[in-house]
């Protein structure tokens, strides 16, 4: 009979969420402190993301007015 010892190293990633993270350092620089991102211009980031989305949708011919529906795959 074998006894399985569970590996719990990945549990934080499965059961956690970003709000549980208080501080994050990347290459020695703090990027999140007290649960808040540091030195991030969220309005500017949002603008860049929306502009990127608009370019991708336009290139793919996808309207952004909520009328687009994916075509069913043919069998």
Protein backbone atom coordinates (compact mmCIF):
# COMPACT_ATOMS: atom_id res chain seq x y z
CA UNK A 1 0.00 0.00 0.00
CA UNK A 2 1.37 3.43 -0.89
CA UNK A 3 0.73 6.55 1.12
CA UNK A 4 0.43 9.80 -0.81
CA UNK A 5 1.90 12.90 0.79
CA UNK A 6 0.25 15.94 -0.79
CA UNK A 7 2.48 18.67 -2.18
CA UNK A 8 1.20 21.95 -0.72
CA UNK A 9 3.73 24.27 -2.37
CA UNK A 10 1.26 25.44 -5.02
CA UNK A 11 -1.74 25.91 -2.75
CA UNK A 12 -1.27 29.66 -2.35
CA UNK A 13 -1.58 30.16 -6.08
CA UNK A 14 -4.73 28.07 -6.27
CA UNK A 15 -6.55 29.32 -3.18
CA UNK A 16 -5.18 32.85 -3.13
CA UNK A 17 -6.09 36.07 -4.88
CA UNK A 18 -4.16 39.33 -5.44
CA UNK A 19 -5.75 41.00 -2.41
CA UNK A 20 -3.90 38.59 -0.14
CA UNK A 21 -0.54 39.93 -1.32
CA UNK A 22 0.74 42.80 0.80
CA UNK A 23 4.18 43.51 -0.66
CA UNK A 24 5.91 42.54 -3.92
CA UNK A 25 9.53 43.20 -4.86
CA UNK A 26 10.88 42.76 -8.39
CA UNK A 27 14.64 42.90 -8.82
CA UNK A 28 14.91 44.62 -5.44
CA UNK A 29 12.33 47.30 -6.30
CA UNK A 30 9.00 47.52 -4.45
CA UNK A 31 6.12 47.31 -6.95
CA UNK A 32 3.33 46.67 -4.43
CA UNK A 33 3.27 48.01 -0.87
CA UNK A 34 0.47 47.67 1.70
CA UNK A 35 -1.63 45.93 -0.98
CA UNK A 36 -1.39 48.87 -3.42
CA UNK A 37 0.59 49.07 -6.66
CA UNK A 38 3.42 51.60 -6.47
CA UNK A 39 4.27 54.07 -9.26
CA UNK A 40 1.52 52.91 -11.63
CA UNK A 41 -0.54 55.48 -13.52
CA UNK A 42 -3.76 53.45 -13.73
CA UNK A 43 -5.70 55.99 -15.87
CA UNK A 44 -2.85 56.05 -18.42
CA UNK A 45 -2.59 52.25 -18.35
CA UNK A 46 -6.35 51.94 -18.92
CA UNK A 47 -6.11 54.32 -21.89
CA UNK A 48 -3.28 52.28 -23.43
CA UNK A 49 -5.18 49.02 -22.91
CA UNK A 50 -8.36 50.37 -24.51
CA UNK A 51 -6.41 51.77 -27.47
CA UNK A 52 -4.75 48.39 -27.96
CA UNK A 53 -8.10 46.60 -27.75
CA UNK A 54 -9.58 48.97 -30.31
CA UNK A 55 -6.69 48.40 -32.77
CA UNK A 56 -6.92 44.61 -32.41
CA UNK A 57 -10.71 44.57 -32.80
CA UNK A 58 -10.56 46.85 -35.84
CA UNK A 59 -7.89 44.67 -37.48
CA UNK A 60 -10.04 41.58 -36.85
CA UNK A 61 -13.24 43.27 -38.07
CA UNK A 62 -14.92 42.88 -34.69
CA UNK A 63 -17.38 45.63 -33.71
CA UNK A 64 -17.19 46.78 -30.10
CA UNK A 65 -20.85 47.72 -29.78
CA UNK A 66 -21.88 44.37 -28.30
CA UNK A 67 -23.36 42.98 -31.53
CA UNK A 68 -20.50 40.59 -32.40
CA UNK A 69 -21.08 36.92 -31.76
CA UNK A 70 -18.60 34.14 -32.51
CA UNK A 71 -19.52 31.84 -35.39
CA UNK A 72 -20.11 28.23 -34.38
CA UNK A 73 -17.42 25.83 -35.50
CA UNK A 74 -18.40 23.75 -38.49
CA UNK A 75 -18.32 20.00 -37.89
